[in-house]
């Protein structure tokens, strides 16, 4: 176990017993991609510049400074399915608070990212965990390797953009869209981003480990407008073994007050 990672109560093995609940709370992530309501379509003829498109996506990430959401998450593990009510609030660049709610609206689990640190409290058994918000530490709860900043971005509706050495873009004639591919050195694929040609919305993202192994896939659908952004009403995430969850976003607000 990472020396910087500390369990406040009880032993590490007992943490495995409630990992599915934490997974259900936090994997909803990956939700909500912002885009301009009536964006200009990519130009016809010569393909658009990959770097220009990536810079535009990064700028959208920066424009959405704060957000708050309410939704319903359905998790699927084999033949078992669970449904949770969730609320979340976040501010850029790396602050997030997520809570699951019980039948009467009372919090049952709280997860917080505050800069470089994370905190987790399971109220059902009164257990606490805290540590450095590294991808390695977060993966113990999320069952996926994701950076804290990417998790915050996904919950505000933006796809992660991993550090890359070079990028390519190609037209998808049959699907009327574009595919961005990001590579590390020596041509190691780390990410694919599918964009709709008409709306420029990101419809799907795949993240790889640099050795062509899929880490997770996020699909966005049923877009609707929130002020100057359009956001997906439904989000689904899967890994190499199959579906993990589906999220229905019931309410999403932007430009909310800072978290306390």
Protein backbone atom coordinates (compact mmCIF):
# COMPACT_ATOMS: atom_id res chain seq x y z
CA UNK A 1 0.00 0.00 0.00
CA UNK A 2 1.25 3.48 -0.78
CA UNK A 3 2.96 4.91 2.29
CA UNK A 4 1.13 8.19 1.78
CA UNK A 5 -2.21 6.43 1.92
CA UNK A 6 -3.60 6.09 5.45
CA UNK A 7 -6.62 4.22 6.79
CA UNK A 8 -8.04 6.06 9.77
CA UNK A 9 -10.29 3.29 11.10
CA UNK A 10 -10.31 -0.45 10.76
CA UNK A 11 -7.99 -2.46 8.53
CA UNK A 12 -7.42 -2.32 4.79
CA UNK A 13 -8.91 -5.76 4.09
CA UNK A 14 -12.28 -4.63 5.47
CA UNK A 15 -12.31 -1.84 2.92
CA UNK A 16 -12.95 -4.42 0.19
CA UNK A 17 -16.40 -5.09 1.61
CA UNK A 18 -17.75 -1.67 0.68
CA UNK A 19 -15.72 -1.03 -2.48
CA UNK A 20 -18.81 -1.74 -4.68
CA UNK A 21 -20.67 1.09 -2.94
CA UNK A 22 -17.77 3.50 -3.42
CA UNK A 23 -17.51 2.35 -7.03
CA UNK A 24 -21.20 3.08 -7.51
CA UNK A 25 -20.80 6.58 -6.08
CA UNK A 26 -17.75 7.62 -7.95
CA UNK A 27 -17.91 5.85 -11.24
CA UNK A 28 -21.00 7.77 -12.14
CA UNK A 29 -18.41 10.16 -12.92
CA UNK A 30 -17.64 10.50 -15.94
CA UNK A 31 -20.50 12.39 -16.90
CA UNK A 32 -21.63 15.45 -18.75
CA UNK A 33 -19.70 16.94 -21.65
CA UNK A 34 -20.12 20.68 -22.32
CA UNK A 35 -20.36 22.11 -25.80
CA UNK A 36 -21.59 25.27 -27.52
CA UNK A 37 -25.33 25.05 -28.30
CA UNK A 38 -25.09 25.86 -32.02
CA UNK A 39 -21.42 25.37 -32.84
CA UNK A 40 -19.96 25.71 -36.29
CA UNK A 41 -19.47 22.36 -37.98
CA UNK A 42 -15.97 21.27 -38.95
CA UNK A 43 -15.04 22.60 -42.36
CA UNK A 44 -15.47 20.38 -45.39
CA UNK A 45 -12.61 19.60 -47.70
CA UNK A 46 -9.25 19.32 -45.92
CA UNK A 47 -9.63 17.88 -42.41
CA UNK A 48 -9.52 20.14 -39.35
CA UNK A 49 -6.33 20.56 -37.40
CA UNK A 50 -6.15 18.12 -34.46
CA UNK A 51 -4.26 20.50 -32.18
CA UNK A 52 -6.77 23.30 -32.81
CA UNK A 53 -9.66 21.02 -31.86
CA UNK A 54 -7.87 19.85 -28.71
CA UNK A 55 -7.17 23.43 -27.69
CA UNK A 56 -10.85 24.20 -28.13
CA UNK A 57 -11.81 21.27 -25.89
CA UNK A 58 -9.33 22.40 -23.24
CA UNK A 59 -10.75 25.93 -23.36
CA UNK A 60 -14.25 24.58 -22.74
CA UNK A 61 -12.88 22.73 -19.74
CA UNK A 62 -11.52 26.00 -18.36
CA UNK A 63 -14.74 27.90 -19.07
CA UNK A 64 -16.83 25.68 -16.82
CA UNK A 65 -15.47 26.94 -13.49
CA UNK A 66 -18.04 25.46 -11.10
CA UNK A 67 -20.97 23.05 -11.31
CA UNK A 68 -23.54 21.07 -9.33
CA UNK A 69 -25.51 17.99 -10.34
CA UNK A 70 -28.25 15.60 -9.23
CA UNK A 71 -28.78 12.20 -10.80
CA UNK A 72 -29.69 8.55 -10.58
CA UNK A 73 -27.05 5.89 -11.08
CA UNK A 74 -27.61 2.26 -12.01
CA UNK A 75 -24.62 -0.01 -11.47
CA UNK A 76 -24.31 -3.42 -13.07
CA UNK A 77 -22.03 -6.18 -11.84
CA UNK A 78 -22.78 -9.46 -13.54
CA UNK A 79 -26.42 -10.22 -12.74
CA UNK A 80 -26.54 -7.74 -9.85
CA UNK A 81 -27.86 -4.21 -10.34
CA UNK A 82 -28.20 -1.34 -7.84
CA UNK A 83 -29.69 2.15 -8.08
CA UNK A 84 -28.44 5.14 -6.10
CA UNK A 85 -29.44 8.80 -5.75
CA UNK A 86 -26.43 11.10 -6.03
CA UNK A 87 -25.52 14.75 -5.71
CA UNK A 88 -22.19 16.37 -6.57
CA UNK A 89 -20.58 19.80 -6.64
CA UNK A 90 -17.19 20.86 -7.96
CA UNK A 91 -14.94 23.78 -8.82
CA UNK A 92 -11.90 23.98 -11.07
CA UNK A 93 -9.18 22.98 -11.05
CA UNK A 94 -9.39 20.09 -8.57
CA UNK A 95 -12.14 20.36 -5.95
CA UNK A 96 -15.06 17.95 -5.72
CA UNK A 97 -17.68 16.74 -3.25
CA UNK A 98 -19.89 13.71 -3.97
CA UNK A 99 -22.61 12.23 -1.76
CA UNK A 100 -24.95 9.28 -2.05
CA UNK A 101 -28.36 9.65 -0.44
CA UNK A 102 -30.52 7.23 1.48
CA UNK A 103 -34.30 6.73 1.05
CA UNK A 104 -35.09 9.85 3.09
CA UNK A 105 -32.42 12.02 1.52
CA UNK A 106 -29.81 11.54 4.24
CA UNK A 107 -26.15 11.22 3.13
CA UNK A 108 -24.82 7.67 3.29
CA UNK A 109 -21.35 8.25 1.82
CA UNK A 110 -19.23 11.36 1.26
CA UNK A 111 -16.24 11.61 -1.04
CA UNK A 112 -14.12 14.80 -1.28
CA UNK A 113 -11.17 15.86 -3.41
CA UNK A 114 -9.49 19.01 -2.11
CA UNK A 115 -6.53 19.85 -4.31
CA UNK A 116 -3.95 17.10 -3.89
CA UNK A 117 -5.78 15.25 -1.09
CA UNK A 118 -8.90 13.07 -0.86
CA UNK A 119 -11.25 12.13 2.00
CA UNK A 120 -13.88 9.40 2.20
CA UNK A 121 -16.50 8.80 4.91
CA UNK A 122 -18.89 5.84 4.89
CA UNK A 123 -21.65 6.77 7.33
CA UNK A 124 -23.25 3.34 7.32
CA UNK A 125 -20.31 1.80 9.19
CA UNK A 126 -18.59 5.07 10.25
CA UNK A 127 -15.33 4.38 8.41
CA UNK A 128 -12.92 7.07 7.23
CA UNK A 129 -10.15 7.09 4.64
CA UNK A 130 -7.84 9.87 3.47
CA UNK A 131 -4.66 10.25 1.46
CA UNK A 132 -2.97 11.79 -1.56
CA UNK A 133 -5.36 12.10 -4.50
CA UNK A 134 -3.13 10.13 -6.86
CA UNK A 135 -4.49 7.93 -9.64
CA UNK A 136 -3.07 4.92 -7.82
CA UNK A 137 -4.85 5.70 -4.54
CA UNK A 138 -8.15 6.61 -6.21
CA UNK A 139 -8.09 3.39 -8.22
CA UNK A 140 -8.47 1.44 -4.95
CA UNK A 141 -12.00 2.82 -4.72
CA UNK A 142 -12.91 3.41 -8.35
CA UNK A 143 -11.63 0.18 -9.93
CA UNK A 144 -10.22 2.35 -12.72
CA UNK A 145 -7.07 4.42 -12.97
CA UNK A 146 -8.13 8.06 -13.33
CA UNK A 147 -6.42 11.28 -12.28
CA UNK A 148 -8.22 13.50 -9.78
CA UNK A 149 -8.38 16.41 -12.22
CA UNK A 150 -9.86 14.17 -14.93
CA UNK A 151 -12.52 12.92 -12.50
CA UNK A 152 -13.51 16.49 -11.68
CA UNK A 153 -13.60 17.33 -15.38
CA UNK A 154 -15.74 14.33 -16.26
CA UNK A 155 -18.31 15.28 -13.64
CA UNK A 156 -18.48 18.79 -15.13
CA UNK A 157 -19.12 17.33 -18.57
CA UNK A 158 -15.68 17.36 -20.17
CA UNK A 159 -13.67 14.45 -21.52
CA UNK A 160 -10.19 13.87 -20.13
CA UNK A 161 -7.34 14.95 -22.36
CA UNK A 162 -4.31 12.93 -21.37
CA UNK A 163 -0.76 14.25 -21.88
CA UNK A 164 0.33 13.27 -25.39
CA UNK A 165 3.24 13.56 -27.79
CA UNK A 166 1.28 13.89 -31.04
CA UNK A 167 -2.32 13.68 -32.27
CA UNK A 168 -4.12 12.70 -35.46
CA UNK A 169 -7.64 13.28 -36.75
CA UNK A 170 -9.56 11.35 -39.37
CA UNK A 171 -12.99 11.67 -40.95
CA UNK A 172 -15.57 8.98 -40.24
CA UNK A 173 -17.55 9.08 -43.46
CA UNK A 174 -20.12 6.48 -42.46
CA UNK A 175 -20.79 8.17 -39.12
CA UNK A 176 -20.57 11.84 -40.21
CA UNK A 177 -18.01 12.67 -37.56
CA UNK A 178 -14.35 12.83 -36.65
CA UNK A 179 -12.00 10.66 -34.61
CA UNK A 180 -9.17 12.23 -32.60
CA UNK A 181 -6.38 9.86 -31.58
CA UNK A 182 -3.72 10.83 -29.02
CA UNK A 183 -0.35 9.09 -28.83
CA UNK A 184 2.66 9.04 -26.56
CA UNK A 185 6.18 8.63 -27.94
CA UNK A 186 6.86 5.66 -30.18
CA UNK A 187 3.24 5.71 -31.36
CA UNK A 188 1.69 4.36 -28.14
CA UNK A 189 -2.07 5.02 -28.27
CA UNK A 190 -3.48 6.53 -25.06
CA UNK A 191 -6.86 8.04 -26.03
CA UNK A 192 -9.56 8.19 -28.71
CA UNK A 193 -12.22 10.91 -28.89
CA UNK A 194 -15.25 10.69 -31.20
CA UNK A 195 -16.90 13.98 -32.22
CA UNK A 196 -20.19 14.60 -34.01
CA UNK A 197 -19.68 16.68 -37.14
CA UNK A 198 -22.91 18.69 -36.88
CA UNK A 199 -22.83 19.63 -33.18
CA UNK A 200 -19.14 19.08 -32.32
CA UNK A 201 -20.32 17.21 -29.22
CA UNK A 202 -18.04 14.51 -27.86
CA UNK A 203 -20.05 11.30 -28.16
CA UNK A 204 -17.50 8.77 -26.92
CA UNK A 205 -14.08 8.57 -25.29
CA UNK A 206 -11.76 5.61 -24.88
CA UNK A 207 -8.73 5.74 -22.59
CA UNK A 208 -5.83 3.29 -22.95
CA UNK A 209 -2.84 2.40 -20.80
CA UNK A 210 -0.23 3.10 -23.50
CA UNK A 211 0.02 -0.59 -24.38
CA UNK A 212 -3.22 -0.77 -26.41
CA UNK A 213 -5.20 -2.03 -23.39
CA UNK A 214 -8.55 -0.32 -22.85
CA UNK A 215 -8.89 1.19 -19.38
CA UNK A 216 -12.40 2.61 -19.72
CA UNK A 217 -14.93 3.84 -22.28
CA UNK A 218 -17.45 6.67 -21.81
CA UNK A 219 -20.50 7.19 -24.05
CA UNK A 220 -22.66 10.34 -24.04
CA UNK A 221 -26.19 10.66 -25.47
CA UNK A 222 -29.47 12.63 -25.33
CA UNK A 223 -27.89 16.07 -25.24
CA UNK A 224 -29.75 19.06 -23.81
CA UNK A 225 -28.84 22.71 -23.25
CA UNK A 226 -27.80 24.33 -19.98
CA UNK A 227 -27.20 28.04 -20.62
CA UNK A 228 -24.40 28.19 -23.22
CA UNK A 229 -23.50 24.51 -22.91
CA UNK A 230 -25.11 21.31 -24.11
CA UNK A 231 -24.86 18.33 -21.80
CA UNK A 232 -25.74 14.65 -22.10
CA UNK A 233 -28.84 13.45 -20.29
CA UNK A 234 -27.50 9.89 -20.28
CA UNK A 235 -23.95 8.61 -19.75
CA UNK A 236 -22.65 5.06 -19.80
CA UNK A 237 -19.26 3.71 -18.83
CA UNK A 238 -17.67 0.34 -19.47
CA UNK A 239 -14.33 -1.42 -19.31
CA UNK A 240 -12.78 -4.43 -21.02
CA UNK A 241 -15.12 -6.76 -19.14
CA UNK A 242 -18.33 -4.98 -20.16
CA UNK A 243 -20.81 -2.38 -18.82
CA UNK A 244 -20.20 -0.86 -15.40
CA UNK A 245 -23.01 1.66 -14.97
CA UNK A 246 -25.46 4.06 -16.60
CA UNK A 247 -26.27 7.53 -15.28
CA UNK A 248 -29.40 9.62 -15.80
CA UNK A 249 -28.63 13.29 -15.11
CA UNK A 250 -31.76 14.87 -13.67
CA UNK A 251 -30.41 18.35 -12.93
CA UNK A 252 -27.17 20.14 -13.71
CA UNK A 253 -26.25 23.73 -12.85
CA UNK A 254 -23.17 25.74 -13.75
CA UNK A 255 -21.60 28.87 -12.24
CA UNK A 256 -22.53 27.81 -8.73
CA UNK A 257 -20.92 29.21 -5.59
CA UNK A 258 -17.59 27.89 -4.38
CA UNK A 259 -17.66 24.75 -2.22
CA UNK A 260 -17.37 25.03 1.56
